[in-house]
Amino acid sequence: KDTTQKDTTQKDTTQKDTTQKDTTQKDTTQKDTTQKDTTQKILDILK
């Protein structure tokens, strides 16, 4: 299975690069939301 995965690495990398370009803006928005959620969770834990 490891050998097969190695053969398809180049194909997966190309597809991954394309997907990452399409989702950059979405990831940035999600990161801001995640940080706000994390901050609130930390405040809840401290209380």
ModelCIF file with pLDDT and N, C-alpha, C, O atoms, coordinates in Angstrom:
data_MODEL
#
_entry.id   MODEL 
#
_entity.id                         1 
_entity.type                       polymer 
_entity.pdbx_number_of_molecules   1 
#
_entity_poly.entity_id                      1 
_entity_poly.type                           'polypeptide(L)' 
_entity_poly.nstd_linkage                   no 
_entity_poly.nstd_monomer                   no 
_entity_poly.pdbx_seq_one_letter_code       KDTTQKDTTQKDTTQKDTTQKDTTQKDTTQKDTTQKDTTQKILDILK 
_entity_poly.pdbx_seq_one_letter_code_can   KDTTQKDTTQKDTTQKDTTQKDTTQKDTTQKDTTQKDTTQKILDILK 
_entity_poly.pdbx_strand_id                 A 
#
loop_
_entity_poly_seq.entity_id 
_entity_poly_seq.num 
_entity_poly_seq.mon_id 
_entity_poly_seq.hetero 
1 1  LYS n 
1 2  ASP n 
1 3  THR n 
1 4  THR n 
1 5  GLN n 
1 6  LYS n 
1 7  ASP n 
1 8  THR n 
1 9  THR n 
1 10 GLN n 
1 11 LYS n 
1 12 ASP n 
1 13 THR n 
1 14 THR n 
1 15 GLN n 
1 16 LYS n 
1 17 ASP n 
1 18 THR n 
1 19 THR n 
1 20 GLN n 
1 21 LYS n 
1 22 ASP n 
1 23 THR n 
1 24 THR n 
1 25 GLN n 
1 26 LYS n 
1 27 ASP n 
1 28 THR n 
1 29 THR n 
1 30 GLN n 
1 31 LYS n 
1 32 ASP n 
1 33 THR n 
1 34 THR n 
1 35 GLN n 
1 36 LYS n 
1 37 ASP n 
1 38 THR n 
1 39 THR n 
1 40 GLN n 
1 41 LYS n 
1 42 ILE n 
1 43 LEU n 
1 44 ASP n 
1 45 ILE n 
1 46 LEU n 
1 47 LYS n 
#
_struct_asym.id          A 
_struct_asym.entity_id   1 
#
loop_
_ma_qa_metric.id 
_ma_qa_metric.mode 
_ma_qa_metric.name 
_ma_qa_metric.software_group_id 
_ma_qa_metric.type 
1 global pLDDT . pLDDT 
2 local  pLDDT . pLDDT 
#
_ma_qa_metric_global.metric_id      1 
_ma_qa_metric_global.metric_value   57.96 
_ma_qa_metric_global.model_id       1 
_ma_qa_metric_global.ordinal_id     1 
#
loop_
_ma_qa_metric_local.label_asym_id 
_ma_qa_metric_local.label_comp_id 
_ma_qa_metric_local.label_seq_id 
_ma_qa_metric_local.metric_id 
_ma_qa_metric_local.metric_value 
_ma_qa_metric_local.model_id 
_ma_qa_metric_local.ordinal_id 
A LYS 1  2 48.00 1 1  
A ASP 2  2 49.00 1 2  
A THR 3  2 46.00 1 3  
A THR 4  2 49.00 1 4  
A GLN 5  2 50.00 1 5  
A LYS 6  2 47.00 1 6  
A ASP 7  2 49.00 1 7  
A THR 8  2 50.00 1 8  
A THR 9  2 49.00 1 9  
A GLN 10 2 50.00 1 10 
A LYS 11 2 53.00 1 11 
A ASP 12 2 53.00 1 12 
A THR 13 2 49.00 1 13 
A THR 14 2 49.00 1 14 
A GLN 15 2 53.00 1 15 
A LYS 16 2 50.00 1 16 
A ASP 17 2 51.00 1 17 
A THR 18 2 49.00 1 18 
A THR 19 2 49.00 1 19 
A GLN 20 2 50.00 1 20 
A LYS 21 2 48.00 1 21 
A ASP 22 2 50.00 1 22 
A THR 23 2 48.00 1 23 
A THR 24 2 47.00 1 24 
A GLN 25 2 49.00 1 25 
A LYS 26 2 47.00 1 26 
A ASP 27 2 49.00 1 27 
A THR 28 2 47.00 1 28 
A THR 29 2 47.00 1 29 
A GLN 30 2 51.00 1 30 
A LYS 31 2 49.00 1 31 
A ASP 32 2 52.00 1 32 
A THR 33 2 52.00 1 33 
A THR 34 2 57.00 1 34 
A GLN 35 2 65.00 1 35 
A LYS 36 2 67.00 1 36 
A ASP 37 2 75.00 1 37 
A THR 38 2 81.00 1 38 
A THR 39 2 82.00 1 39 
A GLN 40 2 84.00 1 40 
A LYS 41 2 83.00 1 41 
A ILE 42 2 85.00 1 42 
A LEU 43 2 86.00 1 43 
A ASP 44 2 81.00 1 44 
A ILE 45 2 83.00 1 45 
A LEU 46 2 84.00 1 46 
A LYS 47 2 82.00 1 47 
#
loop_
_atom_site.group_PDB 
_atom_site.id 
_atom_site.type_symbol 
_atom_site.label_atom_id 
_atom_site.label_alt_id 
_atom_site.label_comp_id 
_atom_site.label_asym_id 
_atom_site.label_entity_id 
_atom_site.label_seq_id 
_atom_site.pdbx_PDB_ins_code 
_atom_site.Cartn_x 
_atom_site.Cartn_y 
_atom_site.Cartn_z 
_atom_site.occupancy 
_atom_site.B_iso_or_equiv 
_atom_site.pdbx_formal_charge 
_atom_site.auth_seq_id 
_atom_site.auth_comp_id 
_atom_site.auth_asym_id 
_atom_site.auth_atom_id 
_atom_site.pdbx_PDB_model_num 
ATOM 1   N N  . LYS A 1 1  ? 0.826   -1.201 0.000  1.00 48.00 ? 1  LYS A N  1 
ATOM 2   C CA . LYS A 1 1  ? 0.000   0.000  0.000  1.00 48.00 ? 1  LYS A CA 1 
ATOM 3   C C  . LYS A 1 1  ? 0.861   1.253  0.000  1.00 48.00 ? 1  LYS A C  1 
ATOM 4   O O  . LYS A 1 1  ? 0.535   2.232  -0.672 1.00 48.00 ? 1  LYS A O  1 
ATOM 5   N N  . ASP A 1 2  ? 1.981   1.229  0.764  1.00 49.00 ? 2  ASP A N  1 
ATOM 6   C CA . ASP A 1 2  ? 2.892   2.366  0.803  1.00 49.00 ? 2  ASP A CA 1 
ATOM 7   C C  . ASP A 1 2  ? 3.486   2.645  -0.570 1.00 49.00 ? 2  ASP A C  1 
ATOM 8   O O  . ASP A 1 2  ? 3.627   3.801  -0.967 1.00 49.00 ? 2  ASP A O  1 
ATOM 9   N N  . THR A 1 3  ? 3.843   1.560  -1.310 1.00 46.00 ? 3  THR A N  1 
ATOM 10  C CA . THR A 1 3  ? 4.431   1.706  -2.639 1.00 46.00 ? 3  THR A CA 1 
ATOM 11  C C  . THR A 1 3  ? 3.448   2.341  -3.606 1.00 46.00 ? 3  THR A C  1 
ATOM 12  O O  . THR A 1 3  ? 3.807   3.210  -4.401 1.00 46.00 ? 3  THR A O  1 
ATOM 13  N N  . THR A 1 4  ? 2.198   1.892  -3.526 1.00 49.00 ? 4  THR A N  1 
ATOM 14  C CA . THR A 1 4  ? 1.147   2.446  -4.393 1.00 49.00 ? 4  THR A CA 1 
ATOM 15  C C  . THR A 1 4  ? 0.935   3.924  -4.111 1.00 49.00 ? 4  THR A C  1 
ATOM 16  O O  . THR A 1 4  ? 0.789   4.740  -5.022 1.00 49.00 ? 4  THR A O  1 
ATOM 17  N N  . GLN A 1 5  ? 0.923   4.246  -2.815 1.00 50.00 ? 5  GLN A N  1 
ATOM 18  C CA . GLN A 1 5  ? 0.732   5.644  -2.431 1.00 50.00 ? 5  GLN A CA 1 
ATOM 19  C C  . GLN A 1 5  ? 1.855   6.522  -2.961 1.00 50.00 ? 5  GLN A C  1 
ATOM 20  O O  . GLN A 1 5  ? 1.625   7.666  -3.354 1.00 50.00 ? 5  GLN A O  1 
ATOM 21  N N  . LYS A 1 6  ? 3.084   5.978  -2.971 1.00 47.00 ? 6  LYS A N  1 
ATOM 22  C CA . LYS A 1 6  ? 4.227   6.736  -3.466 1.00 47.00 ? 6  LYS A CA 1 
ATOM 23  C C  . LYS A 1 6  ? 4.081   7.056  -4.944 1.00 47.00 ? 6  LYS A C  1 
ATOM 24  O O  . LYS A 1 6  ? 4.451   8.145  -5.385 1.00 47.00 ? 6  LYS A O  1 
ATOM 25  N N  . ASP A 1 7  ? 3.535   6.103  -5.725 1.00 49.00 ? 7  ASP A N  1 
ATOM 26  C CA . ASP A 1 7  ? 3.371   6.295  -7.157 1.00 49.00 ? 7  ASP A CA 1 
ATOM 27  C C  . ASP A 1 7  ? 2.371   7.396  -7.480 1.00 49.00 ? 7  ASP A C  1 
ATOM 28  O O  . ASP A 1 7  ? 2.457   8.048  -8.521 1.00 49.00 ? 7  ASP A O  1 
ATOM 29  N N  . THR A 1 8  ? 1.413   7.594  -6.561 1.00 50.00 ? 8  THR A N  1 
ATOM 30  C CA . THR A 1 8  ? 0.368   8.589  -6.842 1.00 50.00 ? 8  THR A CA 1 
ATOM 31  C C  . THR A 1 8  ? 0.613   9.929  -6.163 1.00 50.00 ? 8  THR A C  1 
ATOM 32  O O  . THR A 1 8  ? -0.235  10.820 -6.207 1.00 50.00 ? 8  THR A O  1 
ATOM 33  N N  . THR A 1 9  ? 1.779   10.067 -5.534 1.00 49.00 ? 9  THR A N  1 
ATOM 34  C CA . THR A 1 9  ? 2.075   11.288 -4.780 1.00 49.00 ? 9  THR A CA 1 
ATOM 35  C C  . THR A 1 9  ? 2.053   12.532 -5.662 1.00 49.00 ? 9  THR A C  1 
ATOM 36  O O  . THR A 1 9  ? 1.490   13.562 -5.291 1.00 49.00 ? 9  THR A O  1 
ATOM 37  N N  . GLN A 1 10 ? 2.679   12.420 -6.841 1.00 50.00 ? 10 GLN A N  1 
ATOM 38  C CA . GLN A 1 10 ? 2.766   13.594 -7.711 1.00 50.00 ? 10 GLN A CA 1 
ATOM 39  C C  . GLN A 1 10 ? 1.382   14.061 -8.148 1.00 50.00 ? 10 GLN A C  1 
ATOM 40  O O  . GLN A 1 10 ? 1.103   15.259 -8.201 1.00 50.00 ? 10 GLN A O  1 
ATOM 41  N N  . LYS A 1 11 ? 0.513   13.084 -8.464 1.00 53.00 ? 11 LYS A N  1 
ATOM 42  C CA . LYS A 1 11 ? -0.849  13.423 -8.878 1.00 53.00 ? 11 LYS A CA 1 
ATOM 43  C C  . LYS A 1 11 ? -1.612  14.098 -7.746 1.00 53.00 ? 11 LYS A C  1 
ATOM 44  O O  . LYS A 1 11 ? -2.324  15.079 -7.960 1.00 53.00 ? 11 LYS A O  1 
ATOM 45  N N  . ASP A 1 12 ? -1.457  13.563 -6.539 1.00 53.00 ? 12 ASP A N  1 
ATOM 46  C CA . ASP A 1 12 ? -2.144  14.129 -5.379 1.00 53.00 ? 12 ASP A CA 1 
ATOM 47  C C  . ASP A 1 12 ? -1.664  15.545 -5.080 1.00 53.00 ? 12 ASP A C  1 
ATOM 48  O O  . ASP A 1 12 ? -2.454  16.411 -4.704 1.00 53.00 ? 12 ASP A O  1 
ATOM 49  N N  . THR A 1 13 ? -0.345  15.775 -5.254 1.00 49.00 ? 13 THR A N  1 
ATOM 50  C CA . THR A 1 13 ? 0.227   17.091 -4.963 1.00 49.00 ? 13 THR A CA 1 
ATOM 51  C C  . THR A 1 13 ? -0.345  18.150 -5.898 1.00 49.00 ? 13 THR A C  1 
ATOM 52  O O  . THR A 1 13 ? -0.684  19.251 -5.464 1.00 49.00 ? 13 THR A O  1 
ATOM 53  N N  . THR A 1 14 ? -0.451  17.812 -7.184 1.00 49.00 ? 14 THR A N  1 
ATOM 54  C CA . THR A 1 14 ? -1.009  18.751 -8.164 1.00 49.00 ? 14 THR A CA 1 
ATOM 55  C C  . THR A 1 14 ? -2.443  19.116 -7.816 1.00 49.00 ? 14 THR A C  1 
ATOM 56  O O  . THR A 1 14 ? -2.835  20.282 -7.846 1.00 49.00 ? 14 THR A O  1 
ATOM 57  N N  . GLN A 1 15 ? -3.228  18.066 -7.480 1.00 53.00 ? 15 GLN A N  1 
ATOM 58  C CA . GLN A 1 15 ? -4.635  18.317 -7.142 1.00 53.00 ? 15 GLN A CA 1 
ATOM 59  C C  . GLN A 1 15 ? -4.750  19.157 -5.860 1.00 53.00 ? 15 GLN A C  1 
ATOM 60  O O  . GLN A 1 15 ? -5.626  20.013 -5.743 1.00 53.00 ? 15 GLN A O  1 
ATOM 61  N N  . LYS A 1 16 ? -3.843  18.894 -4.898 1.00 50.00 ? 16 LYS A N  1 
ATOM 62  C CA . LYS A 1 16 ? -3.850  19.617 -3.627 1.00 50.00 ? 16 LYS A CA 1 
ATOM 63  C C  . LYS A 1 16 ? -3.552  21.100 -3.839 1.00 50.00 ? 16 LYS A C  1 
ATOM 64  O O  . LYS A 1 16 ? -4.175  21.953 -3.208 1.00 50.00 ? 16 LYS A O  1 
ATOM 65  N N  . ASP A 1 17 ? -2.574  21.421 -4.751 1.00 51.00 ? 17 ASP A N  1 
ATOM 66  C CA . ASP A 1 17 ? -2.223  22.813 -5.018 1.00 51.00 ? 17 ASP A CA 1 
ATOM 67  C C  . ASP A 1 17 ? -3.419  23.584 -5.563 1.00 51.00 ? 17 ASP A C  1 
ATOM 68  O O  . ASP A 1 17 ? -3.673  24.725 -5.176 1.00 51.00 ? 17 ASP A O  1 
ATOM 69  N N  . THR A 1 18 ? -4.140  22.943 -6.461 1.00 49.00 ? 18 THR A N  1 
ATOM 70  C CA . THR A 1 18 ? -5.306  23.596 -7.048 1.00 49.00 ? 18 THR A CA 1 
ATOM 71  C C  . THR A 1 18 ? -6.381  23.848 -6.006 1.00 49.00 ? 18 THR A C  1 
ATOM 72  O O  . THR A 1 18 ? -6.989  24.918 -5.968 1.00 49.00 ? 18 THR A O  1 
ATOM 73  N N  . THR A 1 19 ? -6.612  22.836 -5.151 1.00 49.00 ? 19 THR A N  1 
ATOM 74  C CA . THR A 1 19 ? -7.643  22.953 -4.116 1.00 49.00 ? 19 THR A CA 1 
ATOM 75  C C  . THR A 1 19 ? -7.293  24.042 -3.114 1.00 49.00 ? 19 THR A C  1 
ATOM 76  O O  . THR A 1 19 ? -8.164  24.790 -2.669 1.00 49.00 ? 19 THR A O  1 
ATOM 77  N N  . GLN A 1 20 ? -6.004  24.128 -2.760 1.00 50.00 ? 20 GLN A N  1 
ATOM 78  C CA . GLN A 1 20 ? -5.587  25.127 -1.779 1.00 50.00 ? 20 GLN A CA 1 
ATOM 79  C C  . GLN A 1 20 ? -5.821  26.543 -2.285 1.00 50.00 ? 20 GLN A C  1 
ATOM 80  O O  . GLN A 1 20 ? -6.233  27.412 -1.517 1.00 50.00 ? 20 GLN A O  1 
ATOM 81  N N  . LYS A 1 21 ? -5.562  26.788 -3.581 1.00 48.00 ? 21 LYS A N  1 
ATOM 82  C CA . LYS A 1 21 ? -5.804  28.113 -4.142 1.00 48.00 ? 21 LYS A CA 1 
ATOM 83  C C  . LYS A 1 21 ? -7.273  28.491 -4.049 1.00 48.00 ? 21 LYS A C  1 
ATOM 84  O O  . LYS A 1 21 ? -7.615  29.645 -3.788 1.00 48.00 ? 21 LYS A O  1 
ATOM 85  N N  . ASP A 1 22 ? -8.144  27.496 -4.268 1.00 50.00 ? 22 ASP A N  1 
ATOM 86  C CA . ASP A 1 22 ? -9.585  27.771 -4.269 1.00 50.00 ? 22 ASP A CA 1 
ATOM 87  C C  . ASP A 1 22 ? -10.134 28.040 -2.869 1.00 50.00 ? 22 ASP A C  1 
ATOM 88  O O  . ASP A 1 22 ? -11.154 28.712 -2.717 1.00 50.00 ? 22 ASP A O  1 
ATOM 89  N N  . THR A 1 23 ? -9.448  27.507 -1.833 1.00 48.00 ? 23 THR A N  1 
ATOM 90  C CA . THR A 1 23 ? -10.004 27.594 -0.478 1.00 48.00 ? 23 THR A CA 1 
ATOM 91  C C  . THR A 1 23 ? -9.277  28.585 0.430  1.00 48.00 ? 23 THR A C  1 
ATOM 92  O O  . THR A 1 23 ? -9.588  28.676 1.618  1.00 48.00 ? 23 THR A O  1 
ATOM 93  N N  . THR A 1 24 ? -8.303  29.333 -0.122 1.00 47.00 ? 24 THR A N  1 
ATOM 94  C CA . THR A 1 24 ? -7.520  30.247 0.728  1.00 47.00 ? 24 THR A CA 1 
ATOM 95  C C  . THR A 1 24 ? -8.392  31.266 1.445  1.00 47.00 ? 24 THR A C  1 
ATOM 96  O O  . THR A 1 24 ? -8.269  31.480 2.651  1.00 47.00 ? 24 THR A O  1 
ATOM 97  N N  . GLN A 1 25 ? -9.286  31.895 0.663  1.00 49.00 ? 25 GLN A N  1 
ATOM 98  C CA . GLN A 1 25 ? -10.145 32.921 1.273  1.00 49.00 ? 25 GLN A CA 1 
ATOM 99  C C  . GLN A 1 25 ? -11.059 32.323 2.332  1.00 49.00 ? 25 GLN A C  1 
ATOM 100 O O  . GLN A 1 25 ? -11.280 32.925 3.383  1.00 49.00 ? 25 GLN A O  1 
ATOM 101 N N  . LYS A 1 26 ? -11.602 31.111 2.046  1.00 47.00 ? 26 LYS A N  1 
ATOM 102 C CA . LYS A 1 26 ? -12.493 30.439 2.998  1.00 47.00 ? 26 LYS A CA 1 
ATOM 103 C C  . LYS A 1 26 ? -11.754 30.091 4.279  1.00 47.00 ? 26 LYS A C  1 
ATOM 104 O O  . LYS A 1 26 ? -12.305 30.240 5.370  1.00 47.00 ? 26 LYS A O  1 
ATOM 105 N N  . ASP A 1 27 ? -10.497 29.623 4.159  1.00 49.00 ? 27 ASP A N  1 
ATOM 106 C CA . ASP A 1 27 ? -9.709  29.235 5.338  1.00 49.00 ? 27 ASP A CA 1 
ATOM 107 C C  . ASP A 1 27 ? -9.443  30.436 6.238  1.00 49.00 ? 27 ASP A C  1 
ATOM 108 O O  . ASP A 1 27 ? -9.467  30.326 7.464  1.00 49.00 ? 27 ASP A O  1 
ATOM 109 N N  . THR A 1 28 ? -9.183  31.615 5.594  1.00 47.00 ? 28 THR A N  1 
ATOM 110 C CA . THR A 1 28 ? -8.906  32.814 6.379  1.00 47.00 ? 28 THR A CA 1 
ATOM 111 C C  . THR A 1 28 ? -10.106 33.188 7.237  1.00 47.00 ? 28 THR A C  1 
ATOM 112 O O  . THR A 1 28 ? -9.966  33.530 8.411  1.00 47.00 ? 28 THR A O  1 
ATOM 113 N N  . THR A 1 29 ? -11.300 33.116 6.627  1.00 47.00 ? 29 THR A N  1 
ATOM 114 C CA . THR A 1 29 ? -12.529 33.426 7.360  1.00 47.00 ? 29 THR A CA 1 
ATOM 115 C C  . THR A 1 29 ? -12.742 32.440 8.501  1.00 47.00 ? 29 THR A C  1 
ATOM 116 O O  . THR A 1 29 ? -13.078 32.829 9.619  1.00 47.00 ? 29 THR A O  1 
ATOM 117 N N  . GLN A 1 30 ? -12.540 31.149 8.204  1.00 51.00 ? 30 GLN A N  1 
ATOM 118 C CA . GLN A 1 30 ? -12.720 30.112 9.227  1.00 51.00 ? 30 GLN A CA 1 
ATOM 119 C C  . GLN A 1 30 ? -11.724 30.292 10.365 1.00 51.00 ? 30 GLN A C  1 
ATOM 120 O O  . GLN A 1 30 ? -12.058 30.037 11.522 1.00 51.00 ? 30 GLN A O  1 
ATOM 121 N N  . LYS A 1 31 ? -10.477 30.738 10.048 1.00 49.00 ? 31 LYS A N  1 
ATOM 122 C CA . LYS A 1 31 ? -9.460  30.921 11.077 1.00 49.00 ? 31 LYS A CA 1 
ATOM 123 C C  . LYS A 1 31 ? -9.883  32.009 12.062 1.00 49.00 ? 31 LYS A C  1 
ATOM 124 O O  . LYS A 1 31 ? -9.717  31.865 13.273 1.00 49.00 ? 31 LYS A O  1 
ATOM 125 N N  . ASP A 1 32 ? -10.442 33.120 11.515 1.00 52.00 ? 32 ASP A N  1 
ATOM 126 C CA . ASP A 1 32 ? -10.899 34.195 12.392 1.00 52.00 ? 32 ASP A CA 1 
ATOM 127 C C  . ASP A 1 32 ? -12.001 33.710 13.329 1.00 52.00 ? 32 ASP A C  1 
ATOM 128 O O  . ASP A 1 32 ? -12.012 34.031 14.518 1.00 52.00 ? 32 ASP A O  1 
ATOM 129 N N  . THR A 1 33 ? -12.937 32.923 12.764 1.00 52.00 ? 33 THR A N  1 
ATOM 130 C CA . THR A 1 33 ? -14.044 32.391 13.564 1.00 52.00 ? 33 THR A CA 1 
ATOM 131 C C  . THR A 1 33 ? -13.524 31.433 14.630 1.00 52.00 ? 33 THR A C  1 
ATOM 132 O O  . THR A 1 33 ? -13.975 31.454 15.775 1.00 52.00 ? 33 THR A O  1 
ATOM 133 N N  . THR A 1 34 ? -12.560 30.585 14.232 1.00 57.00 ? 34 THR A N  1 
ATOM 134 C CA . THR A 1 34 ? -11.992 29.601 15.161 1.00 57.00 ? 34 THR A CA 1 
ATOM 135 C C  . THR A 1 34 ? -11.297 30.289 16.339 1.00 57.00 ? 34 THR A C  1 
ATOM 136 O O  . THR A 1 34 ? -11.426 29.866 17.488 1.00 57.00 ? 34 THR A O  1 
ATOM 137 N N  . GLN A 1 35 ? -10.539 31.383 16.020 1.00 65.00 ? 35 GLN A N  1 
ATOM 138 C CA . GLN A 1 35 ? -9.843  32.090 17.082 1.00 65.00 ? 35 GLN A CA 1 
ATOM 139 C C  . GLN A 1 35 ? -10.819 32.694 18.089 1.00 65.00 ? 35 GLN A C  1 
ATOM 140 O O  . GLN A 1 35 ? -10.564 32.686 19.293 1.00 65.00 ? 35 GLN A O  1 
ATOM 141 N N  . LYS A 1 36 ? -11.952 33.226 17.579 1.00 67.00 ? 36 LYS A N  1 
ATOM 142 C CA . LYS A 1 36 ? -12.957 33.784 18.480 1.00 67.00 ? 36 LYS A CA 1 
ATOM 143 C C  . LYS A 1 36 ? -13.556 32.693 19.357 1.00 67.00 ? 36 LYS A C  1 
ATOM 144 O O  . LYS A 1 36 ? -13.768 32.895 20.553 1.00 67.00 ? 36 LYS A O  1 
ATOM 145 N N  . ASP A 1 37 ? -13.832 31.514 18.748 1.00 75.00 ? 37 ASP A N  1 
ATOM 146 C CA . ASP A 1 37 ? -14.383 30.390 19.519 1.00 75.00 ? 37 ASP A CA 1 
ATOM 147 C C  . ASP A 1 37 ? -13.391 29.926 20.576 1.00 75.00 ? 37 ASP A C  1 
ATOM 148 O O  . ASP A 1 37 ? -13.768 29.637 21.712 1.00 75.00 ? 37 ASP A O  1 
ATOM 149 N N  . THR A 1 38 ? -12.108 29.859 20.189 1.00 81.00 ? 38 THR A N  1 
ATOM 150 C CA . THR A 1 38 ? -11.071 29.418 21.129 1.00 81.00 ? 38 THR A CA 1 
ATOM 151 C C  . THR A 1 38 ? -10.951 30.382 22.296 1.00 81.00 ? 38 THR A C  1 
ATOM 152 O O  . THR A 1 38 ? -10.828 29.965 23.447 1.00 81.00 ? 38 THR A O  1 
ATOM 153 N N  . THR A 1 39 ? -10.988 31.686 21.991 1.00 82.00 ? 39 THR A N  1 
ATOM 154 C CA . THR A 1 39 ? -10.905 32.703 23.043 1.00 82.00 ? 39 THR A CA 1 
ATOM 155 C C  . THR A 1 39 ? -12.046 32.550 24.035 1.00 82.00 ? 39 THR A C  1 
ATOM 156 O O  . THR A 1 39 ? -11.834 32.615 25.245 1.00 82.00 ? 39 THR A O  1 
ATOM 157 N N  . GLN A 1 40 ? -13.261 32.347 23.524 1.00 84.00 ? 40 GLN A N  1 
ATOM 158 C CA . GLN A 1 40 ? -14.418 32.205 24.402 1.00 84.00 ? 40 GLN A CA 1 
ATOM 159 C C  . GLN A 1 40 ? -14.310 30.934 25.248 1.00 84.00 ? 40 GLN A C  1 
ATOM 160 O O  . GLN A 1 40 ? -14.655 30.933 26.429 1.00 84.00 ? 40 GLN A O  1 
ATOM 161 N N  . LYS A 1 41 ? -13.825 29.849 24.627 1.00 83.00 ? 41 LYS A N  1 
ATOM 162 C CA . LYS A 1 41 ? -13.672 28.586 25.370 1.00 83.00 ? 41 LYS A CA 1 
ATOM 163 C C  . LYS A 1 41 ? -12.659 28.747 26.507 1.00 83.00 ? 41 LYS A C  1 
ATOM 164 O O  . LYS A 1 41 ? -12.848 28.229 27.607 1.00 83.00 ? 41 LYS A O  1 
ATOM 165 N N  . ILE A 1 42 ? -11.571 29.485 26.210 1.00 85.00 ? 42 ILE A N  1 
ATOM 166 C CA . ILE A 1 42 ? -10.557 29.707 27.253 1.00 85.00 ? 42 ILE A CA 1 
ATOM 167 C C  . ILE A 1 42 ? -11.151 30.521 28.395 1.00 85.00 ? 42 ILE A C  1 
ATOM 168 O O  . ILE A 1 42 ? -10.901 30.218 29.562 1.00 85.00 ? 42 ILE A O  1 
ATOM 169 N N  . LEU A 1 43 ? -11.929 31.544 28.077 1.00 86.00 ? 43 LEU A N  1 
ATOM 170 C CA . LEU A 1 43 ? -12.578 32.344 29.123 1.00 86.00 ? 43 LEU A CA 1 
ATOM 171 C C  . LEU A 1 43 ? -13.505 31.485 29.972 1.00 86.00 ? 43 LEU A C  1 
ATOM 172 O O  . LEU A 1 43 ? -13.555 31.633 31.193 1.00 86.00 ? 43 LEU A O  1 
ATOM 173 N N  . ASP A 1 44 ? -14.241 30.584 29.318 1.00 81.00 ? 44 ASP A N  1 
ATOM 174 C CA . ASP A 1 44 ? -15.147 29.689 30.053 1.00 81.00 ? 44 ASP A CA 1 
ATOM 175 C C  . ASP A 1 44 ? -14.374 28.773 30.997 1.00 81.00 ? 44 ASP A C  1 
ATOM 176 O O  . ASP A 1 44 ? -14.800 28.524 32.125 1.00 81.00 ? 44 ASP A O  1 
ATOM 177 N N  . ILE A 1 45 ? -13.221 28.272 30.518 1.00 83.00 ? 45 ILE A N  1 
ATOM 178 C CA . ILE A 1 45 ? -12.397 27.382 31.349 1.00 83.00 ? 45 ILE A CA 1 
ATOM 179 C C  . ILE A 1 45 ? -11.846 28.140 32.557 1.00 83.00 ? 45 ILE A C  1 
ATOM 180 O O  . ILE A 1 45 ? -11.840 27.611 33.669 1.00 83.00 ? 45 ILE A O  1 
ATOM 181 N N  . LEU A 1 46 ? -11.379 29.388 32.345 1.00 84.00 ? 46 LEU A N  1 
ATOM 182 C CA . LEU A 1 46 ? -10.831 30.175 33.438 1.00 84.00 ? 46 LEU A CA 1 
ATOM 183 C C  . LEU A 1 46 ? -11.887 30.506 34.486 1.00 84.00 ? 46 LEU A C  1 
ATOM 184 O O  . LEU A 1 46 ? -11.588 30.559 35.679 1.00 84.00 ? 46 LEU A O  1 
ATOM 185 N N  . LYS A 1 47 ? -13.132 30.730 34.036 1.00 82.00 ? 47 LYS A N  1 
ATOM 186 C CA . LYS A 1 47 ? -14.210 30.979 34.988 1.00 82.00 ? 47 LYS A CA 1 
ATOM 187 C C  . LYS A 1 47 ? -14.502 29.727 35.814 1.00 82.00 ? 47 LYS A C  1 
ATOM 188 O O  . LYS A 1 47 ? -15.384 29.745 36.673 1.00 82.00 ? 47 LYS A O  1 
#
